[in-house]
Amino acid sequence: MTCSYRFISEHRAAFGVALLCRVLAVRRPGFYEWIAAAPVRAAHAAAEEELATEIAEVHTEHRKRYGCPRVTIELVRLAEGPRLARGVTLPEILGTEGEPFPAGARVQGKALDGASGSECWP
């Protein structure tokens, strides 16, 4: 629907809203509702962008080792509240799909394999 409404918004001066809605088989009132909701969508996008920046800062401060649960706890601890981006995962926000442990990294006195980074010790 959003693509249809965006198309109608871009071409309504040339073809008219009624014709475009009929051709694209969308409700005309739905288009006007979408137009009216634009400020709310913009506010949500701005809030998610701000949250993504805060998440990235927390992640970087902790040497990029914090995952979603610990980042959430850190945001709550910082009195930011449990705000989470809707439908977005931490790797998407940070632009990574997870990085392996660097060569030579050690956890509890045990060397980590820099190639796999998937080993876990109790």
PDB file of N, CA and C in Angstrom:
ATOM      1  N   MET A   1       0.807  -1.194   0.000  1.00  0.00           N
ATOM      2  CA  MET A   1       0.000   0.000   0.000  1.00  0.00           C
ATOM      3  C   MET A   1       0.856   1.266   0.000  1.00  0.00           C
ATOM      4  N   THR A   2       1.912   1.247   0.789  1.00  0.00           N
ATOM      5  CA  THR A   2       2.730   2.446   0.899  1.00  0.00           C
ATOM      6  C   THR A   2       3.302   2.848  -0.447  1.00  0.00           C
ATOM      7  N   CYS A   3       3.722   1.870  -1.238  1.00  0.00           N
ATOM      8  CA  CYS A   3       4.262   2.187  -2.561  1.00  0.00           C
ATOM      9  C   CYS A   3       3.188   2.808  -3.442  1.00  0.00           C
ATOM     10  N   SER A   4       1.980   2.278  -3.369  1.00  0.00           N
ATOM     11  CA  SER A   4       0.874   2.831  -4.158  1.00  0.00           C
ATOM     12  C   SER A   4       0.576   4.253  -3.719  1.00  0.00           C
ATOM     13  N   TYR A   5       0.498   4.461  -2.424  1.00  0.00           N
ATOM     14  CA  TYR A   5       0.205   5.804  -1.918  1.00  0.00           C
ATOM     15  C   TYR A   5       1.319   6.781  -2.269  1.00  0.00           C
ATOM     16  N   ARG A   6       2.550   6.333  -2.197  1.00  0.00           N
ATOM     17  CA  ARG A   6       3.673   7.198  -2.560  1.00  0.00           C
ATOM     18  C   ARG A   6       3.598   7.559  -4.042  1.00  0.00           C
ATOM     19  N   PHE A   7       3.255   6.583  -4.876  1.00  0.00           N
ATOM     20  CA  PHE A   7       3.115   6.837  -6.312  1.00  0.00           C
ATOM     21  C   PHE A   7       2.004   7.850  -6.562  1.00  0.00           C
ATOM     22  N   ILE A   8       0.872   7.672  -5.886  1.00  0.00           N
ATOM     23  CA  ILE A   8      -0.249   8.599  -6.049  1.00  0.00           C
ATOM     24  C   ILE A   8       0.172   9.996  -5.620  1.00  0.00           C
ATOM     25  N   SER A   9       0.878  10.100  -4.510  1.00  0.00           N
ATOM     26  CA  SER A   9       1.325  11.392  -4.010  1.00  0.00           C
ATOM     27  C   SER A   9       2.230  12.095  -5.018  1.00  0.00           C
ATOM     28  N   GLU A  10       3.091  11.336  -5.673  1.00  0.00           N
ATOM     29  CA  GLU A  10       4.026  11.916  -6.632  1.00  0.00           C
ATOM     30  C   GLU A  10       3.367  12.314  -7.950  1.00  0.00           C
ATOM     31  N   HIS A  11       2.273  11.633  -8.335  1.00  0.00           N
ATOM     32  CA  HIS A  11       1.667  11.862  -9.646  1.00  0.00           C
ATOM     33  C   HIS A  11       0.251  12.443  -9.609  1.00  0.00           C
ATOM     34  N   ARG A  12      -0.225  12.841  -8.457  1.00  0.00           N
ATOM     35  CA  ARG A  12      -1.603  13.310  -8.352  1.00  0.00           C
ATOM     36  C   ARG A  12      -1.838  14.609  -9.095  1.00  0.00           C
ATOM     37  N   ALA A  13      -0.835  15.444  -9.253  1.00  0.00           N
ATOM     38  CA  ALA A  13      -1.018  16.704  -9.989  1.00  0.00           C
ATOM     39  C   ALA A  13      -1.295  16.436 -11.472  1.00  0.00           C
ATOM     40  N   ALA A  14      -0.685  15.410 -12.009  1.00  0.00           N
ATOM     41  CA  ALA A  14      -0.847  15.119 -13.440  1.00  0.00           C
ATOM     42  C   ALA A  14      -2.102  14.305 -13.747  1.00  0.00           C
ATOM     43  N   PHE A  15      -2.490  13.381 -12.851  1.00  0.00           N
ATOM     44  CA  PHE A  15      -3.575  12.460 -13.173  1.00  0.00           C
ATOM     45  C   PHE A  15      -4.785  12.561 -12.261  1.00  0.00           C
ATOM     46  N   GLY A  16      -4.644  13.148 -11.098  1.00  0.00           N
ATOM     47  CA  GLY A  16      -5.743  13.239 -10.150  1.00  0.00           C
ATOM     48  C   GLY A  16      -5.787  12.029  -9.229  1.00  0.00           C
ATOM     49  N   VAL A  17      -6.189  12.281  -8.002  1.00  0.00           N
ATOM     50  CA  VAL A  17      -6.205  11.241  -6.983  1.00  0.00           C
ATOM     51  C   VAL A  17      -7.239  10.169  -7.296  1.00  0.00           C
ATOM     52  N   ALA A  18      -8.435  10.570  -7.729  1.00  0.00           N
ATOM     53  CA  ALA A  18      -9.513   9.604  -7.971  1.00  0.00           C
ATOM     54  C   ALA A  18      -9.107   8.588  -9.036  1.00  0.00           C
ATOM     55  N   LEU A  19      -8.555   9.053 -10.143  1.00  0.00           N
ATOM     56  CA  LEU A  19      -8.149   8.153 -11.223  1.00  0.00           C
ATOM     57  C   LEU A  19      -7.040   7.216 -10.769  1.00  0.00           C
ATOM     58  N   LEU A  20      -6.027   7.755 -10.111  1.00  0.00           N
ATOM     59  CA  LEU A  20      -4.909   6.914  -9.661  1.00  0.00           C
ATOM     60  C   LEU A  20      -5.368   5.866  -8.647  1.00  0.00           C
ATOM     61  N   CYS A  21      -6.251   6.249  -7.729  1.00  0.00           N
ATOM     62  CA  CYS A  21      -6.755   5.283  -6.754  1.00  0.00           C
ATOM     63  C   CYS A  21      -7.547   4.176  -7.433  1.00  0.00           C
ATOM     64  N   ARG A  22      -8.329   4.529  -8.426  1.00  0.00           N
ATOM     65  CA  ARG A  22      -9.119   3.529  -9.143  1.00  0.00           C
ATOM     66  C   ARG A  22      -8.203   2.576  -9.910  1.00  0.00           C
ATOM     67  N   VAL A  23      -7.212   3.119 -10.623  1.00  0.00           N
ATOM     68  CA  VAL A  23      -6.296   2.289 -11.413  1.00  0.00           C
ATOM     69  C   VAL A  23      -5.467   1.373 -10.519  1.00  0.00           C
ATOM     70  N   LEU A  24      -5.026   1.883  -9.372  1.00  0.00           N
ATOM     71  CA  LEU A  24      -4.194   1.091  -8.463  1.00  0.00           C
ATOM     72  C   LEU A  24      -5.000   0.266  -7.476  1.00  0.00           C
ATOM     73  N   ALA A  25      -6.314   0.380  -7.540  1.00  0.00           N
ATOM     74  CA  ALA A  25      -7.235  -0.390  -6.696  1.00  0.00           C
ATOM     75  C   ALA A  25      -6.965  -0.166  -5.208  1.00  0.00           C
ATOM     76  N   VAL A  26      -6.852   1.105  -4.841  1.00  0.00           N
ATOM     77  CA  VAL A  26      -6.719   1.462  -3.431  1.00  0.00           C
ATOM     78  C   VAL A  26      -7.839   2.440  -3.079  1.00  0.00           C
ATOM     79  N   ARG A  27      -8.155   2.493  -1.794  1.00  0.00           N
ATOM     80  CA  ARG A  27      -9.217   3.389  -1.330  1.00  0.00           C
ATOM     81  C   ARG A  27      -8.721   4.829  -1.312  1.00  0.00           C
ATOM     82  N   ARG A  28      -9.536   5.727  -1.844  1.00  0.00           N
ATOM     83  CA  ARG A  28      -9.182   7.140  -1.813  1.00  0.00           C
ATOM     84  C   ARG A  28      -9.100   7.655  -0.375  1.00  0.00           C
ATOM     85  N   PRO A  29     -10.064   7.302   0.511  1.00  0.00           N
ATOM     86  CA  PRO A  29      -9.906   7.750   1.902  1.00  0.00           C
ATOM     87  C   PRO A  29      -8.635   7.203   2.554  1.00  0.00           C
ATOM     88  N   GLY A  30      -8.228   6.006   2.155  1.00  0.00           N
ATOM     89  CA  GLY A  30      -6.991   5.443   2.686  1.00  0.00           C
ATOM     90  C   GLY A  30      -5.783   6.283   2.300  1.00  0.00           C
ATOM     91  N   PHE A  31      -5.800   6.803   1.076  1.00  0.00           N
ATOM     92  CA  PHE A  31      -4.706   7.671   0.634  1.00  0.00           C
ATOM     93  C   PHE A  31      -4.649   8.934   1.492  1.00  0.00           C
ATOM     94  N   TYR A  32      -5.807   9.546   1.724  1.00  0.00           N
ATOM     95  CA  TYR A  32      -5.833  10.770   2.525  1.00  0.00           C
ATOM     96  C   TYR A  32      -5.474  10.500   3.984  1.00  0.00           C
ATOM     97  N   GLU A  33      -5.814   9.320   4.495  1.00  0.00           N
ATOM     98  CA  GLU A  33      -5.392   8.930   5.841  1.00  0.00           C
ATOM     99  C   GLU A  33      -3.871   8.787   5.896  1.00  0.00           C
ATOM    100  N   TRP A  34      -3.306   8.220   4.833  1.00  0.00           N
ATOM    101  CA  TRP A  34      -1.857   8.054   4.751  1.00  0.00           C
ATOM    102  C   TRP A  34      -1.172   9.415   4.738  1.00  0.00           C
ATOM    103  N   ILE A  35      -1.735  10.362   3.984  1.00  0.00           N
ATOM    104  CA  ILE A  35      -1.184  11.722   3.936  1.00  0.00           C
ATOM    105  C   ILE A  35      -1.245  12.360   5.329  1.00  0.00           C
ATOM    106  N   ALA A  36      -2.381  12.207   6.022  1.00  0.00           N
ATOM    107  CA  ALA A  36      -2.560  12.809   7.349  1.00  0.00           C
ATOM    108  C   ALA A  36      -1.608  12.203   8.379  1.00  0.00           C
ATOM    109  N   ALA A  37      -1.214  10.946   8.181  1.00  0.00           N
ATOM    110  CA  ALA A  37      -0.342  10.265   9.139  1.00  0.00           C
ATOM    111  C   ALA A  37       1.145  10.531   8.886  1.00  0.00           C
ATOM    112  N   ALA A  38       1.473  11.319   7.883  1.00  0.00           N
ATOM    113  CA  ALA A  38       2.877  11.578   7.545  1.00  0.00           C
ATOM    114  C   ALA A  38       3.669  12.156   8.717  1.00  0.00           C
ATOM    115  N   PRO A  39       3.135  13.137   9.464  1.00  0.00           N
ATOM    116  CA  PRO A  39       3.917  13.658  10.594  1.00  0.00           C
ATOM    117  C   PRO A  39       4.209  12.595  11.661  1.00  0.00           C
ATOM    118  N   VAL A  40       3.266  11.699  11.888  1.00  0.00           N
ATOM    119  CA  VAL A  40       3.467  10.631  12.879  1.00  0.00           C
ATOM    120  C   VAL A  40       4.561   9.683  12.394  1.00  0.00           C
ATOM    121  N   ARG A  41       4.519   9.331  11.104  1.00  0.00           N
ATOM    122  CA  ARG A  41       5.561   8.461  10.556  1.00  0.00           C
ATOM    123  C   ARG A  41       6.931   9.121  10.655  1.00  0.00           C
ATOM    124  N   ALA A  42       6.982  10.426  10.391  1.00  0.00           N
ATOM    125  CA  ALA A  42       8.256  11.149  10.475  1.00  0.00           C
ATOM    126  C   ALA A  42       8.771  11.168  11.913  1.00  0.00           C
ATOM    127  N   ALA A  43       7.870  11.355  12.876  1.00  0.00           N
ATOM    128  CA  ALA A  43       8.279  11.355  14.283  1.00  0.00           C
ATOM    129  C   ALA A  43       8.793   9.984  14.706  1.00  0.00           C
ATOM    130  N   HIS A  44       8.129   8.910  14.252  1.00  0.00           N
ATOM    131  CA  HIS A  44       8.579   7.553  14.573  1.00  0.00           C
ATOM    132  C   HIS A  44       9.952   7.292  13.963  1.00  0.00           C
ATOM    133  N   ALA A  45      10.139   7.725  12.721  1.00  0.00           N
ATOM    134  CA  ALA A  45      11.429   7.512  12.065  1.00  0.00           C
ATOM    135  C   ALA A  45      12.541   8.265  12.796  1.00  0.00           C
ATOM    136  N   ALA A  46      12.253   9.495  13.234  1.00  0.00           N
ATOM    137  CA  ALA A  46      13.255  10.273  13.967  1.00  0.00           C
ATOM    138  C   ALA A  46      13.585   9.612  15.307  1.00  0.00           C
ATOM    139  N   ALA A  47      12.556   9.112  16.006  1.00  0.00           N
ATOM    140  CA  ALA A  47      12.782   8.446  17.293  1.00  0.00           C
ATOM    141  C   ALA A  47      13.603   7.173  17.101  1.00  0.00           C
ATOM    142  N   GLU A  48      13.324   6.423  16.052  1.00  0.00           N
ATOM    143  CA  GLU A  48      14.089   5.202  15.801  1.00  0.00           C
ATOM    144  C   GLU A  48      15.524   5.520  15.415  1.00  0.00           C
ATOM    145  N   GLU A  49      15.734   6.598  14.674  1.00  0.00           N
ATOM    146  CA  GLU A  49      17.090   7.005  14.306  1.00  0.00           C
ATOM    147  C   GLU A  49      17.876   7.404  15.553  1.00  0.00           C
ATOM    148  N   GLU A  50      17.232   8.146  16.455  1.00  0.00           N
ATOM    149  CA  GLU A  50      17.886   8.538  17.704  1.00  0.00           C
ATOM    150  C   GLU A  50      18.226   7.311  18.551  1.00  0.00           C
ATOM    151  N   LEU A  51      17.280   6.372  18.624  1.00  0.00           N
ATOM    152  CA  LEU A  51      17.520   5.146  19.381  1.00  0.00           C
ATOM    153  C   LEU A  51      18.657   4.333  18.770  1.00  0.00           C
ATOM    154  N   ALA A  52      18.675   4.248  17.442  1.00  0.00           N
ATOM    155  CA  ALA A  52      19.746   3.506  16.772  1.00  0.00           C
ATOM    156  C   ALA A  52      21.105   4.114  17.086  1.00  0.00           C
ATOM    157  N   THR A  53      21.165   5.437  17.150  1.00  0.00           N
ATOM    158  CA  THR A  53      22.415   6.115  17.491  1.00  0.00           C
ATOM    159  C   THR A  53      22.830   5.779  18.917  1.00  0.00           C
ATOM    160  N   GLU A  54      21.878   5.803  19.841  1.00  0.00           N
ATOM    161  CA  GLU A  54      22.186   5.474  21.239  1.00  0.00           C
ATOM    162  C   GLU A  54      22.634   4.023  21.381  1.00  0.00           C
ATOM    163  N   ILE A  55      21.979   3.130  20.671  1.00  0.00           N
ATOM    164  CA  ILE A  55      22.357   1.712  20.718  1.00  0.00           C
ATOM    165  C   ILE A  55      23.774   1.535  20.182  1.00  0.00           C
ATOM    166  N   ALA A  56      24.071   2.205  19.077  1.00  0.00           N
ATOM    167  CA  ALA A  56      25.409   2.100  18.503  1.00  0.00           C
ATOM    168  C   ALA A  56      26.464   2.638  19.467  1.00  0.00           C
ATOM    169  N   GLU A  57      26.141   3.723  20.184  1.00  0.00           N
ATOM    170  CA  GLU A  57      27.078   4.275  21.153  1.00  0.00           C
ATOM    171  C   GLU A  57      27.341   3.295  22.294  1.00  0.00           C
ATOM    172  N   VAL A  58      26.276   2.689  22.828  1.00  0.00           N
ATOM    173  CA  VAL A  58      26.432   1.714  23.915  1.00  0.00           C
ATOM    174  C   VAL A  58      27.240   0.522  23.421  1.00  0.00           C
ATOM    175  N   HIS A  59      26.930   0.064  22.226  1.00  0.00           N
ATOM    176  CA  HIS A  59      27.626  -1.087  21.651  1.00  0.00           C
ATOM    177  C   HIS A  59      29.113  -0.784  21.484  1.00  0.00           C
ATOM    178  N   THR A  60      29.429   0.408  21.008  1.00  0.00           N
ATOM    179  CA  THR A  60      30.826   0.804  20.805  1.00  0.00           C
ATOM    180  C   THR A  60      31.549   0.994  22.125  1.00  0.00           C
ATOM    181  N   GLU A  61      30.864   1.592  23.105  1.00  0.00           N
ATOM    182  CA  GLU A  61      31.484   1.797  24.417  1.00  0.00           C
ATOM    183  C   GLU A  61      31.920   0.487  25.057  1.00  0.00           C
ATOM    184  N   HIS A  62      31.237  -0.576  24.747  1.00  0.00           N
ATOM    185  CA  HIS A  62      31.539  -1.879  25.344  1.00  0.00           C
ATOM    186  C   HIS A  62      32.255  -2.788  24.341  1.00  0.00           C
ATOM    187  N   ARG A  63      33.109  -2.169  23.531  1.00  0.00           N
ATOM    188  CA  ARG A  63      33.989  -2.867  22.593  1.00  0.00           C
ATOM    189  C   ARG A  63      33.232  -3.787  21.640  1.00  0.00           C
ATOM    190  N   LYS A  64      32.024  -3.416  21.287  1.00  0.00           N
ATOM    191  CA  LYS A  64      31.198  -4.145  20.312  1.00  0.00           C
ATOM    192  C   LYS A  64      30.953  -5.587  20.726  1.00  0.00           C
ATOM    193  N   ARG A  65      30.841  -5.800  22.031  1.00  0.00           N
ATOM    194  CA  ARG A  65      30.604  -7.148  22.542  1.00  0.00           C
ATOM    195  C   ARG A  65      29.222  -7.293  23.160  1.00  0.00           C
ATOM    196  N   TYR A  66      28.491  -6.190  23.324  1.00  0.00           N
ATOM    197  CA  TYR A  66      27.155  -6.265  23.918  1.00  0.00           C
ATOM    198  C   TYR A  66      26.139  -6.671  22.858  1.00  0.00           C
ATOM    199  N   GLY A  67      25.245  -7.593  23.234  1.00  0.00           N
ATOM    200  CA  GLY A  67      24.149  -7.985  22.367  1.00  0.00           C
ATOM    201  C   GLY A  67      22.875  -7.286  22.795  1.00  0.00           C
ATOM    202  N   CYS A  68      21.765  -7.668  22.191  1.00  0.00           N
ATOM    203  CA  CYS A  68      20.475  -7.011  22.449  1.00  0.00           C
ATOM    204  C   CYS A  68      20.080  -6.994  23.928  1.00  0.00           C
ATOM    205  N   PRO A  69      20.130  -8.118  24.637  1.00  0.00           N
ATOM    206  CA  PRO A  69      19.691  -8.074  26.034  1.00  0.00           C
ATOM    207  C   PRO A  69      20.523  -7.113  26.882  1.00  0.00           C
ATOM    208  N   ARG A  70      21.841  -7.145  26.708  1.00  0.00           N
ATOM    209  CA  ARG A  70      22.695  -6.287  27.523  1.00  0.00           C
ATOM    210  C   ARG A  70      22.590  -4.825  27.105  1.00  0.00           C
ATOM    211  N   VAL A  71      22.385  -4.560  25.806  1.00  0.00           N
ATOM    212  CA  VAL A  71      22.187  -3.179  25.354  1.00  0.00           C
ATOM    213  C   VAL A  71      20.898  -2.633  25.940  1.00  0.00           C
ATOM    214  N   THR A  72      19.838  -3.446  25.959  1.00  0.00           N
ATOM    215  CA  THR A  72      18.563  -3.022  26.539  1.00  0.00           C
ATOM    216  C   THR A  72      18.734  -2.701  28.017  1.00  0.00           C
ATOM    217  N   ILE A  73      19.428  -3.561  28.739  1.00  0.00           N
ATOM    218  CA  ILE A  73      19.672  -3.320  30.170  1.00  0.00           C
ATOM    219  C   ILE A  73      20.452  -2.027  30.349  1.00  0.00           C
ATOM    220  N   GLU A  74      21.442  -1.797  29.511  1.00  0.00           N
ATOM    221  CA  GLU A  74      22.253  -0.582  29.610  1.00  0.00           C
ATOM    222  C   GLU A  74      21.407   0.664  29.333  1.00  0.00           C
ATOM    223  N   LEU A  75      20.524   0.606  28.339  1.00  0.00           N
ATOM    224  CA  LEU A  75      19.649   1.750  28.052  1.00  0.00           C
ATOM    225  C   LEU A  75      18.702   2.023  29.213  1.00  0.00           C
ATOM    226  N   VAL A  76      18.183   0.960  29.823  1.00  0.00           N
ATOM    227  CA  VAL A  76      17.308   1.131  30.984  1.00  0.00           C
ATOM    228  C   VAL A  76      18.110   1.729  32.139  1.00  0.00           C
ATOM    229  N   ARG A  77      19.331   1.230  32.333  1.00  0.00           N
ATOM    230  CA  ARG A  77      20.182   1.739  33.400  1.00  0.00           C
ATOM    231  C   ARG A  77      20.479   3.223  33.200  1.00  0.00           C
ATOM    232  N   LEU A  78      20.618   3.638  31.978  1.00  0.00           N
ATOM    233  CA  LEU A  78      20.880   5.044  31.674  1.00  0.00           C
ATOM    234  C   LEU A  78      19.603   5.887  31.706  1.00  0.00           C
ATOM    235  N   ALA A  79      18.517   5.295  32.211  1.00  0.00           N
ATOM    236  CA  ALA A  79      17.219   5.975  32.341  1.00  0.00           C
ATOM    237  C   ALA A  79      16.622   6.345  30.997  1.00  0.00           C
ATOM    238  N   GLU A  80      16.983   5.611  29.979  1.00  0.00           N
ATOM    239  CA  GLU A  80      16.410   5.849  28.664  1.00  0.00           C
ATOM    240  C   GLU A  80      15.131   5.052  28.477  1.00  0.00           C
ATOM    241  N   GLY A  81      14.891   4.097  29.359  1.00  0.00           N
ATOM    242  CA  GLY A  81      13.691   3.276  29.236  1.00  0.00           C
ATOM    243  C   GLY A  81      13.892   2.161  28.241  1.00  0.00           C
ATOM    244  N   PRO A  82      13.011   1.192  28.285  1.00  0.00           N
ATOM    245  CA  PRO A  82      13.156   0.038  27.393  1.00  0.00           C
ATOM    246  C   PRO A  82      12.613   0.321  25.995  1.00  0.00           C
ATOM    247  N   ARG A  83      13.205   1.313  25.323  1.00  0.00           N
ATOM    248  CA  ARG A  83      12.750   1.660  23.983  1.00  0.00           C
ATOM    249  C   ARG A  83      13.491   0.785  22.974  1.00  0.00           C
ATOM    250  N   LEU A  84      12.761   0.134  22.143  1.00  0.00           N
ATOM    251  CA  LEU A  84      13.376  -0.716  21.133  1.00  0.00           C
ATOM    252  C   LEU A  84      12.856  -0.318  19.761  1.00  0.00           C
ATOM    253  N   ALA A  85      13.721  -0.353  18.776  1.00  0.00           N
ATOM    254  CA  ALA A  85      13.286  -0.083  17.412  1.00  0.00           C
ATOM    255  C   ALA A  85      12.371  -1.215  16.965  1.00  0.00           C
ATOM    256  N   ARG A  86      11.277  -0.867  16.357  1.00  0.00           N
ATOM    257  CA  ARG A  86      10.300  -1.872  15.952  1.00  0.00           C
ATOM    258  C   ARG A  86      10.827  -2.668  14.758  1.00  0.00           C
ATOM    259  N   GLY A  87      10.935  -3.966  14.942  1.00  0.00           N
ATOM    260  CA  GLY A  87      11.282  -4.857  13.848  1.00  0.00           C
ATOM    261  C   GLY A  87      12.705  -4.735  13.351  1.00  0.00           C
ATOM    262  N   VAL A  88      13.582  -4.146  14.118  1.00  0.00           N
ATOM    263  CA  VAL A  88      14.963  -3.982  13.688  1.00  0.00           C
ATOM    264  C   VAL A  88      15.859  -4.722  14.670  1.00  0.00           C
ATOM    265  N   THR A  89      16.806  -5.486  14.139  1.00  0.00           N
ATOM    266  CA  THR A  89      17.712  -6.227  15.003  1.00  0.00           C
ATOM    267  C   THR A  89      18.977  -5.416  15.246  1.00  0.00           C
ATOM    268  N   LEU A  90      19.694  -5.759  16.290  1.00  0.00           N
ATOM    269  CA  LEU A  90      20.918  -5.047  16.632  1.00  0.00           C
ATOM    270  C   LEU A  90      21.935  -5.069  15.487  1.00  0.00           C
ATOM    271  N   PRO A  91      22.182  -6.202  14.831  1.00  0.00           N
ATOM    272  CA  PRO A  91      23.136  -6.169  13.717  1.00  0.00           C
ATOM    273  C   PRO A  91      22.690  -5.241  12.580  1.00  0.00           C
ATOM    274  N   GLU A  92      21.391  -5.135  12.338  1.00  0.00           N
ATOM    275  CA  GLU A  92      20.914  -4.227  11.292  1.00  0.00           C
ATOM    276  C   GLU A  92      21.174  -2.781  11.680  1.00  0.00           C
ATOM    277  N   ILE A  93      20.951  -2.452  12.947  1.00  0.00           N
ATOM    278  CA  ILE A  93      21.182  -1.088  13.414  1.00  0.00           C
ATOM    279  C   ILE A  93      22.658  -0.737  13.305  1.00  0.00           C
ATOM    280  N   LEU A  94      23.507  -1.677  13.681  1.00  0.00           N
ATOM    281  CA  LEU A  94      24.938  -1.415  13.710  1.00  0.00           C
ATOM    282  C   LEU A  94      25.602  -1.632  12.359  1.00  0.00           C
ATOM    283  N   GLY A  95      24.886  -2.201  11.422  1.00  0.00           N
ATOM    284  CA  GLY A  95      25.448  -2.441  10.102  1.00  0.00           C
ATOM    285  C   GLY A  95      26.425  -3.593  10.069  1.00  0.00           C
ATOM    286  N   THR A  96      26.280  -4.530  11.005  1.00  0.00           N
ATOM    287  CA  THR A  96      27.167  -5.692  11.040  1.00  0.00           C
ATOM    288  C   THR A  96      26.329  -6.947  11.153  1.00  0.00           C
ATOM    289  N   GLU A  97      26.871  -8.029  10.810  1.00  0.00           N
ATOM    290  CA  GLU A  97      26.204  -9.316  11.016  1.00  0.00           C
ATOM    291  C   GLU A  97      26.925 -10.077  12.110  1.00  0.00           C
ATOM    292  N   GLY A  98      27.596  -9.358  12.959  1.00  0.00           N
ATOM    293  CA  GLY A  98      28.366  -9.988  14.032  1.00  0.00           C
ATOM    294  C   GLY A  98      29.807 -10.125  13.594  1.00  0.00           C
ATOM    295  N   GLU A  99      30.680  -9.775  14.468  1.00  0.00           N
ATOM    296  CA  GLU A  99      32.085  -9.856  14.138  1.00  0.00           C
ATOM    297  C   GLU A  99      32.713 -10.958  14.974  1.00  0.00           C
ATOM    298  N   PRO A 100      33.599 -11.784  14.386  1.00  0.00           N
ATOM    299  CA  PRO A 100      34.263 -12.815  15.184  1.00  0.00           C
ATOM    300  C   PRO A 100      35.219 -12.160  16.168  1.00  0.00           C
ATOM    301  N   PHE A 101      35.585 -12.918  17.178  1.00  0.00           N
ATOM    302  CA  PHE A 101      36.554 -12.415  18.135  1.00  0.00           C
ATOM    303  C   PHE A 101      37.862 -12.163  17.412  1.00  0.00           C
ATOM    304  N   PRO A 102      38.546 -11.093  17.755  1.00  0.00           N
ATOM    305  CA  PRO A 102      39.829 -10.831  17.110  1.00  0.00           C
ATOM    306  C   PRO A 102      40.857 -11.887  17.503  1.00  0.00           C
ATOM    307  N   ALA A 103      41.833 -12.083  16.637  1.00  0.00           N
ATOM    308  CA  ALA A 103      42.882 -13.057  16.918  1.00  0.00           C
ATOM    309  C   ALA A 103      43.592 -12.681  18.210  1.00  0.00           C
ATOM    310  N   GLY A 104      43.811 -13.649  19.049  1.00  0.00           N
ATOM    311  CA  GLY A 104      44.504 -13.419  20.301  1.00  0.00           C
ATOM    312  C   GLY A 104      43.593 -13.015  21.451  1.00  0.00           C
ATOM    313  N   ALA A 105      42.298 -12.905  21.226  1.00  0.00           N
ATOM    314  CA  ALA A 105      41.388 -12.534  22.307  1.00  0.00           C
ATOM    315  C   ALA A 105      41.292 -13.672  23.303  1.00  0.00           C
ATOM    316  N   ARG A 106      41.078 -13.314  24.572  1.00  0.00           N
ATOM    317  CA  ARG A 106      41.016 -14.319  25.617  1.00  0.00           C
ATOM    318  C   ARG A 106      39.777 -14.087  26.471  1.00  0.00           C
ATOM    319  N   VAL A 107      39.111 -15.168  26.855  1.00  0.00           N
ATOM    320  CA  VAL A 107      37.964 -15.111  27.749  1.00  0.00           C
ATOM    321  C   VAL A 107      38.232 -16.090  28.871  1.00  0.00           C
ATOM    322  N   GLN A 108      38.174 -15.641  30.098  1.00  0.00           N
ATOM    323  CA  GLN A 108      38.423 -16.463  31.277  1.00  0.00           C
ATOM    324  C   GLN A 108      39.733 -17.239  31.144  1.00  0.00           C
ATOM    325  N   GLY A 109      40.743 -16.568  30.601  1.00  0.00           N
ATOM    326  CA  GLY A 109      42.059 -17.181  30.506  1.00  0.00           C
ATOM    327  C   GLY A 109      42.206 -18.160  29.361  1.00  0.00           C
ATOM    328  N   LYS A 110      41.171 -18.340  28.534  1.00  0.00           N
ATOM    329  CA  LYS A 110      41.255 -19.272  27.414  1.00  0.00           C
ATOM    330  C   LYS A 110      41.308 -18.491  26.117  1.00  0.00           C
ATOM    331  N   ALA A 111      42.185 -18.887  25.233  1.00  0.00           N
ATOM    332  CA  ALA A 111      42.308 -18.207  23.946  1.00  0.00           C
ATOM    333  C   ALA A 111      41.105 -18.530  23.079  1.00  0.00           C
ATOM    334  N   LEU A 112      40.631 -17.508  22.374  1.00  0.00           N
ATOM    335  CA  LEU A 112      39.519 -17.708  21.446  1.00  0.00           C
ATOM    336  C   LEU A 112      40.072 -17.907  20.052  1.00  0.00           C
ATOM    337  N   ASP A 113      39.407 -18.710  19.284  1.00  0.00           N
ATOM    338  CA  ASP A 113      39.787 -18.915  17.903  1.00  0.00           C
ATOM    339  C   ASP A 113      39.266 -17.728  17.103  1.00  0.00           C
ATOM    340  N   GLY A 114      40.133 -16.893  16.575  1.00  0.00           N
ATOM    341  CA  GLY A 114      39.717 -15.708  15.836  1.00  0.00           C
ATOM    342  C   GLY A 114      38.955 -16.026  14.581  1.00  0.00           C
ATOM    343  N   ALA A 115      39.115 -17.226  14.044  1.00  0.00           N
ATOM    344  CA  ALA A 115      38.424 -17.566  12.806  1.00  0.00           C
ATOM    345  C   ALA A 115      36.957 -17.858  13.037  1.00  0.00           C
ATOM    346  N   SER A 116      36.638 -18.631  14.075  1.00  0.00           N
ATOM    347  CA  SER A 116      35.244 -19.008  14.259  1.00  0.00           C
ATOM    348  C   SER A 116      34.520 -18.091  15.234  1.00  0.00           C
ATOM    349  N   GLY A 117      35.090 -17.818  16.372  1.00  0.00           N
ATOM    350  CA  GLY A 117      34.459 -16.936  17.348  1.00  0.00           C
ATOM    351  C   GLY A 117      33.170 -17.460  17.912  1.00  0.00           C
ATOM    352  N   SER A 118      32.881 -18.755  17.684  1.00  0.00           N
ATOM    353  CA  SER A 118      31.596 -19.270  18.124  1.00  0.00           C
ATOM    354  C   SER A 118      31.691 -20.169  19.349  1.00  0.00           C
ATOM    355  N   GLU A 119      32.920 -20.440  19.803  1.00  0.00           N
ATOM    356  CA  GLU A 119      33.055 -21.305  20.967  1.00  0.00           C
ATOM    357  C   GLU A 119      32.536 -20.607  22.216  1.00  0.00           C
ATOM    358  N   CYS A 120      32.034 -21.409  23.123  1.00  0.00           N
ATOM    359  CA  CYS A 120      31.480 -20.861  24.353  1.00  0.00           C
ATOM    360  C   CYS A 120      31.975 -21.719  25.512  1.00  0.00           C
ATOM    361  N   TRP A 121      32.403 -21.079  26.583  1.00  0.00           N
ATOM    362  CA  TRP A 121      32.864 -21.798  27.747  1.00  0.00           C
ATOM    363  C   TRP A 121      31.945 -21.526  28.917  1.00  0.00           C
ATOM    364  N   PRO A 122      31.667 -22.548  29.743  1.00  0.00           N
ATOM    365  CA  PRO A 122      30.786 -22.326  30.902  1.00  0.00           C
ATOM    366  C   PRO A 122      31.461 -21.487  31.971  1.00  0.00           C
TER     367      PRO A 122
END
